[in-house]
C-alpha cells in the first residue's frame, strides 16, 4: 500500500518562504509523476506544479516563485515556495502516479500566509 507523508506546512508572513516535502513509500518502483495541488477555502483544487523525468509544469500564479524538485531516488517531491502571498493560503496536496496508472493523494498540508 502506498503511503504519502507530507511535511513543511505552516504559517508565514507575506514575502516569506516555506518548503513542502512529500515522501512516497510502499512500492518497489518510484513514481513516474509527482505534483502539488492546492485548495483554498471555498475554491476548487488547482494545480500548482508537476514534475516528470523530462518536464516541469507550473501554474502561472506561482511561476518564478515556486520550485518543484525530487530527490535522487525519485520518491520524494519538494515544493520550495518563495515570496509567498496571502493568496497562496491553501491546503497543499501532493499527488503521485506510477507507470501502472495508479495514483495517490497525500493528506494535505496547510499553508497560511498573513499580510
N, C-alpha and C. Protein backbone atom coordinates (compact mmCIF):
# COMPACT_ATOMS: atom_id res chain seq x y z
N UNK A 1 0.84 -1.19 0.00
CA UNK A 1 0.00 0.00 0.00
C UNK A 1 0.88 1.24 0.00
N UNK A 2 0.56 2.18 -0.87
CA UNK A 2 1.36 3.40 -0.97
C UNK A 2 1.03 4.33 0.19
N UNK A 3 2.06 4.88 0.76
CA UNK A 3 1.90 5.85 1.84
C UNK A 3 2.61 7.13 1.43
N UNK A 4 1.91 8.26 1.59
CA UNK A 4 2.48 9.57 1.30
C UNK A 4 2.52 10.36 2.60
N UNK A 5 3.69 10.82 2.95
CA UNK A 5 3.87 11.60 4.17
C UNK A 5 4.32 13.00 3.79
N UNK A 6 3.49 13.96 4.11
CA UNK A 6 3.80 15.36 3.82
C UNK A 6 4.34 16.07 5.06
N UNK A 7 5.17 17.05 4.82
CA UNK A 7 5.67 17.87 5.91
C UNK A 7 6.04 19.25 5.37
N UNK A 8 6.18 20.22 6.29
CA UNK A 8 6.68 21.53 5.91
C UNK A 8 5.65 22.64 5.86
N UNK A 9 4.40 22.33 6.05
CA UNK A 9 3.40 23.39 6.05
C UNK A 9 3.52 24.25 7.30
N UNK A 10 2.80 25.36 7.31
CA UNK A 10 2.83 26.23 8.47
C UNK A 10 2.35 27.62 8.13
N UNK A 11 2.66 28.55 9.02
CA UNK A 11 2.24 29.94 8.86
C UNK A 11 3.46 30.81 8.63
N UNK A 12 3.31 31.78 7.74
CA UNK A 12 4.40 32.68 7.41
C UNK A 12 3.83 34.02 6.99
N UNK A 13 4.62 35.05 7.13
CA UNK A 13 4.18 36.37 6.68
C UNK A 13 4.42 36.52 5.18
N UNK A 14 3.68 37.43 4.59
CA UNK A 14 3.83 37.71 3.17
C UNK A 14 5.29 38.03 2.86
N UNK A 15 5.78 37.42 1.79
CA UNK A 15 7.17 37.59 1.40
C UNK A 15 8.08 36.50 1.93
N UNK A 16 7.56 35.68 2.82
CA UNK A 16 8.36 34.62 3.41
C UNK A 16 8.44 33.39 2.54
N UNK A 17 9.07 32.35 3.08
CA UNK A 17 9.31 31.11 2.33
C UNK A 17 8.92 29.90 3.18
N UNK A 18 8.52 28.86 2.50
CA UNK A 18 8.28 27.55 3.11
C UNK A 18 8.70 26.49 2.11
N UNK A 19 9.03 25.31 2.64
CA UNK A 19 9.37 24.18 1.78
C UNK A 19 8.53 22.99 2.18
N UNK A 20 7.75 22.49 1.24
CA UNK A 20 6.94 21.30 1.47
C UNK A 20 7.67 20.07 0.97
N UNK A 21 7.47 18.97 1.67
CA UNK A 21 8.04 17.69 1.25
C UNK A 21 6.93 16.64 1.24
N UNK A 22 7.06 15.68 0.36
CA UNK A 22 6.13 14.56 0.29
C UNK A 22 6.92 13.31 -0.05
N UNK A 23 6.96 12.39 0.89
CA UNK A 23 7.73 11.15 0.70
C UNK A 23 6.78 10.00 0.42
N UNK A 24 7.06 9.27 -0.65
CA UNK A 24 6.24 8.13 -1.04
C UNK A 24 6.94 6.84 -0.68
N UNK A 25 6.18 5.90 -0.13
CA UNK A 25 6.72 4.59 0.21
C UNK A 25 5.66 3.53 -0.04
N UNK A 26 6.10 2.27 -0.05
CA UNK A 26 5.16 1.17 -0.19
C UNK A 26 5.14 0.48 -1.54
N UNK A 27 5.90 1.04 -2.50
CA UNK A 27 6.01 0.40 -3.81
C UNK A 27 7.49 0.12 -4.09
N UNK A 28 7.75 -0.91 -4.90
CA UNK A 28 9.13 -1.25 -5.26
C UNK A 28 9.64 -0.38 -6.39
N UNK A 29 8.74 0.36 -7.01
CA UNK A 29 9.15 1.29 -8.08
C UNK A 29 8.86 2.71 -7.63
N UNK A 30 9.57 3.65 -8.22
CA UNK A 30 9.34 5.05 -7.90
C UNK A 30 8.22 5.61 -8.78
N UNK A 31 7.56 6.65 -8.32
CA UNK A 31 6.54 7.27 -9.16
C UNK A 31 7.14 7.83 -10.44
N UNK A 32 6.36 7.85 -11.50
CA UNK A 32 6.83 8.49 -12.73
C UNK A 32 6.20 9.88 -12.91
N UNK A 33 5.37 10.27 -11.96
CA UNK A 33 4.74 11.59 -11.98
C UNK A 33 4.53 12.02 -10.54
N UNK A 34 4.93 13.25 -10.24
CA UNK A 34 4.71 13.79 -8.90
C UNK A 34 4.28 15.24 -9.04
N UNK A 35 3.41 15.66 -8.18
CA UNK A 35 2.94 17.03 -8.30
C UNK A 35 2.37 17.57 -7.01
N UNK A 36 2.13 18.86 -7.03
CA UNK A 36 1.50 19.56 -5.92
C UNK A 36 0.26 20.28 -6.43
N UNK A 37 -0.80 20.18 -5.65
CA UNK A 37 -2.04 20.88 -5.92
C UNK A 37 -2.43 21.62 -4.65
N UNK A 38 -3.32 22.56 -4.77
CA UNK A 38 -3.77 23.27 -3.58
C UNK A 38 -5.25 23.58 -3.66
N UNK A 39 -5.84 23.73 -2.50
CA UNK A 39 -7.26 24.07 -2.42
C UNK A 39 -7.45 25.13 -1.34
N UNK A 40 -7.86 26.30 -1.79
CA UNK A 40 -8.15 27.40 -0.88
C UNK A 40 -9.60 27.28 -0.41
N UNK A 41 -9.93 27.90 0.72
CA UNK A 41 -11.31 27.82 1.22
C UNK A 41 -12.31 28.29 0.18
N UNK A 42 -13.33 27.49 -0.06
CA UNK A 42 -14.37 27.87 -0.99
C UNK A 42 -14.01 27.75 -2.45
N UNK A 43 -12.84 27.21 -2.74
CA UNK A 43 -12.40 27.09 -4.13
C UNK A 43 -12.10 25.63 -4.47
N UNK A 44 -12.03 25.39 -5.78
CA UNK A 44 -11.69 24.04 -6.23
C UNK A 44 -10.19 23.79 -6.12
N UNK A 45 -9.85 22.53 -6.04
CA UNK A 45 -8.43 22.15 -6.02
C UNK A 45 -7.82 22.51 -7.37
N UNK A 46 -6.61 23.09 -7.33
CA UNK A 46 -5.95 23.51 -8.55
C UNK A 46 -4.50 23.04 -8.59
N UNK A 47 -4.01 22.91 -9.80
CA UNK A 47 -2.63 22.51 -9.99
C UNK A 47 -1.68 23.62 -9.57
N UNK A 48 -0.60 23.24 -8.89
CA UNK A 48 0.45 24.19 -8.54
C UNK A 48 1.69 23.91 -9.39
N UNK A 49 2.17 22.68 -9.35
CA UNK A 49 3.36 22.30 -10.11
C UNK A 49 3.43 20.80 -10.23
N UNK A 50 3.96 20.33 -11.35
CA UNK A 50 4.16 18.90 -11.54
C UNK A 50 5.54 18.64 -12.11
N UNK A 51 6.02 17.41 -11.93
CA UNK A 51 7.34 17.06 -12.42
C UNK A 51 7.36 15.61 -12.89
N UNK A 52 7.95 15.40 -14.05
CA UNK A 52 8.23 14.06 -14.56
C UNK A 52 9.72 14.01 -14.89
N UNK A 53 10.15 12.94 -15.53
CA UNK A 53 11.58 12.78 -15.81
C UNK A 53 12.11 13.84 -16.77
N UNK A 54 11.21 14.42 -17.59
CA UNK A 54 11.72 15.34 -18.60
C UNK A 54 10.98 16.68 -18.64
N UNK A 55 10.11 16.93 -17.65
CA UNK A 55 9.32 18.15 -17.76
C UNK A 55 8.83 18.60 -16.39
N UNK A 56 8.84 19.91 -16.21
CA UNK A 56 8.17 20.50 -15.05
C UNK A 56 7.12 21.48 -15.57
N UNK A 57 6.04 21.58 -14.84
CA UNK A 57 4.94 22.46 -15.20
C UNK A 57 4.56 23.28 -13.98
N UNK A 58 4.33 24.56 -14.19
CA UNK A 58 3.93 25.44 -13.10
C UNK A 58 2.65 26.19 -13.48
N UNK A 59 1.82 26.40 -12.49
CA UNK A 59 0.70 27.31 -12.69
C UNK A 59 1.23 28.72 -12.87
N UNK A 60 0.54 29.51 -13.66
CA UNK A 60 1.00 30.88 -13.91
C UNK A 60 1.16 31.67 -12.61
N UNK A 61 0.28 31.39 -11.66
CA UNK A 61 0.27 32.17 -10.42
C UNK A 61 1.52 31.96 -9.56
N UNK A 62 2.26 30.88 -9.83
CA UNK A 62 3.42 30.58 -8.97
C UNK A 62 4.74 30.61 -9.73
N UNK A 63 4.68 30.81 -11.04
CA UNK A 63 5.91 30.82 -11.83
C UNK A 63 6.87 31.88 -11.32
N UNK A 64 8.13 31.49 -11.19
CA UNK A 64 9.14 32.41 -10.72
C UNK A 64 9.24 32.51 -9.21
N UNK A 65 8.27 31.94 -8.50
CA UNK A 65 8.29 31.99 -7.03
C UNK A 65 8.42 30.59 -6.41
N UNK A 66 7.83 29.60 -7.04
CA UNK A 66 7.85 28.23 -6.52
C UNK A 66 8.75 27.37 -7.40
N UNK A 67 9.39 26.38 -6.77
CA UNK A 67 10.22 25.42 -7.50
C UNK A 67 9.90 24.01 -7.03
N UNK A 68 9.60 23.14 -7.98
CA UNK A 68 9.33 21.73 -7.67
C UNK A 68 10.59 20.93 -8.00
N UNK A 69 10.88 19.95 -7.15
CA UNK A 69 12.05 19.10 -7.38
C UNK A 69 11.83 17.75 -6.70
N UNK A 70 12.70 16.81 -7.00
CA UNK A 70 12.65 15.50 -6.36
C UNK A 70 14.02 15.14 -5.81
N UNK A 71 14.06 14.12 -4.97
CA UNK A 71 15.35 13.60 -4.52
C UNK A 71 15.91 12.64 -5.57
N UNK A 72 17.12 12.18 -5.37
CA UNK A 72 17.76 11.32 -6.37
C UNK A 72 16.99 10.02 -6.57
N UNK A 73 16.38 9.51 -5.54
CA UNK A 73 15.63 8.25 -5.64
C UNK A 73 14.27 8.43 -6.30
N UNK A 74 13.89 9.67 -6.55
CA UNK A 74 12.61 9.99 -7.21
C UNK A 74 11.40 9.51 -6.41
N UNK A 75 11.56 9.42 -5.08
CA UNK A 75 10.41 9.02 -4.27
C UNK A 75 9.98 10.10 -3.28
N UNK A 76 10.61 11.24 -3.35
CA UNK A 76 10.23 12.38 -2.53
C UNK A 76 10.16 13.61 -3.43
N UNK A 77 9.10 14.34 -3.28
CA UNK A 77 8.93 15.57 -4.07
C UNK A 77 8.89 16.76 -3.12
N UNK A 78 9.52 17.83 -3.55
CA UNK A 78 9.60 19.04 -2.75
C UNK A 78 8.93 20.19 -3.49
N UNK A 79 8.47 21.15 -2.71
CA UNK A 79 7.97 22.39 -3.29
C UNK A 79 8.55 23.54 -2.48
N UNK A 80 9.53 24.22 -3.06
CA UNK A 80 10.11 25.39 -2.43
C UNK A 80 9.26 26.59 -2.82
N UNK A 81 8.72 27.24 -1.82
CA UNK A 81 7.81 28.36 -2.05
C UNK A 81 8.45 29.63 -1.50
N UNK A 82 8.78 30.55 -2.39
CA UNK A 82 9.37 31.83 -2.00
C UNK A 82 8.41 32.97 -2.32
N UNK A 83 8.67 34.11 -1.75
CA UNK A 83 7.85 35.30 -2.00
C UNK A 83 6.37 34.99 -1.85
N UNK A 84 6.03 34.31 -0.77
CA UNK A 84 4.65 33.89 -0.56
C UNK A 84 3.73 35.08 -0.41
N UNK A 85 2.51 34.91 -0.91
CA UNK A 85 1.48 35.94 -0.88
C UNK A 85 0.27 35.41 -0.10
N UNK A 86 -0.55 36.29 0.41
CA UNK A 86 -1.76 35.83 1.12
C UNK A 86 -2.63 34.92 0.25
N UNK A 87 -2.65 35.17 -1.04
CA UNK A 87 -3.47 34.34 -1.92
C UNK A 87 -2.89 32.94 -2.13
N UNK A 88 -1.71 32.68 -1.61
CA UNK A 88 -1.16 31.33 -1.63
C UNK A 88 -1.69 30.48 -0.47
N UNK A 89 -2.44 31.09 0.42
CA UNK A 89 -3.02 30.36 1.55
C UNK A 89 -3.95 29.27 1.04
N UNK A 90 -3.69 28.04 1.46
CA UNK A 90 -4.46 26.89 0.99
C UNK A 90 -3.96 25.64 1.68
N UNK A 91 -4.69 24.57 1.48
CA UNK A 91 -4.18 23.24 1.83
C UNK A 91 -3.49 22.69 0.59
N UNK A 92 -2.25 22.30 0.75
CA UNK A 92 -1.44 21.79 -0.36
C UNK A 92 -1.40 20.27 -0.30
N UNK A 93 -1.70 19.65 -1.43
CA UNK A 93 -1.73 18.19 -1.53
C UNK A 93 -0.69 17.70 -2.53
N UNK A 94 0.07 16.70 -2.15
CA UNK A 94 0.93 16.08 -3.15
C UNK A 94 0.15 14.97 -3.84
N UNK A 95 0.55 14.70 -5.06
CA UNK A 95 -0.08 13.68 -5.88
C UNK A 95 1.02 12.92 -6.59
N UNK A 96 0.95 11.60 -6.55
CA UNK A 96 1.95 10.79 -7.25
C UNK A 96 1.24 9.75 -8.10
N UNK A 97 1.88 9.41 -9.20
CA UNK A 97 1.33 8.40 -10.09
C UNK A 97 2.45 7.45 -10.52
N UNK A 98 2.06 6.22 -10.79
CA UNK A 98 3.02 5.19 -11.18
C UNK A 98 2.75 4.73 -12.61
N UNK A 99 3.70 3.99 -13.14
CA UNK A 99 3.63 3.57 -14.53
C UNK A 99 2.40 2.69 -14.80
N UNK A 100 1.84 2.07 -13.76
CA UNK A 100 0.64 1.24 -13.96
C UNK A 100 -0.64 2.07 -13.87
N UNK A 101 -0.50 3.39 -13.89
CA UNK A 101 -1.62 4.34 -13.88
C UNK A 101 -2.31 4.46 -12.53
N UNK A 102 -1.77 3.86 -11.49
CA UNK A 102 -2.31 4.09 -10.16
C UNK A 102 -1.81 5.45 -9.67
N UNK A 103 -2.66 6.14 -8.92
CA UNK A 103 -2.27 7.45 -8.41
C UNK A 103 -2.85 7.66 -7.02
N UNK A 104 -2.16 8.53 -6.28
CA UNK A 104 -2.48 8.69 -4.88
C UNK A 104 -2.34 10.15 -4.46
N UNK A 105 -3.17 10.52 -3.48
CA UNK A 105 -3.11 11.86 -2.89
C UNK A 105 -2.52 11.81 -1.51
N UNK A 106 -1.74 12.82 -1.15
CA UNK A 106 -1.27 12.98 0.21
C UNK A 106 -2.38 13.54 1.09
N UNK A 107 -2.17 13.59 2.40
CA UNK A 107 -3.21 14.02 3.33
C UNK A 107 -3.46 15.52 3.34
N UNK A 108 -2.51 16.29 2.80
CA UNK A 108 -2.67 17.74 2.77
C UNK A 108 -1.86 18.44 3.86
N UNK A 109 -1.33 19.59 3.49
CA UNK A 109 -0.56 20.42 4.42
C UNK A 109 -1.09 21.84 4.34
N UNK A 110 -1.43 22.40 5.47
CA UNK A 110 -1.99 23.76 5.49
C UNK A 110 -0.86 24.78 5.42
N UNK A 111 -0.98 25.69 4.49
CA UNK A 111 -0.07 26.83 4.36
C UNK A 111 -0.89 28.10 4.55
N UNK A 112 -0.49 28.90 5.51
CA UNK A 112 -1.20 30.15 5.80
C UNK A 112 -0.22 31.30 5.65
N UNK A 113 -0.57 32.26 4.80
CA UNK A 113 0.28 33.43 4.57
C UNK A 113 -0.49 34.66 5.03
N UNK A 114 0.08 35.36 5.98
CA UNK A 114 -0.57 36.56 6.50
C UNK A 114 0.03 37.82 5.90
N UNK A 115 -0.78 38.83 5.76
CA UNK A 115 -0.31 40.08 5.15
C UNK A 115 0.31 41.01 6.18
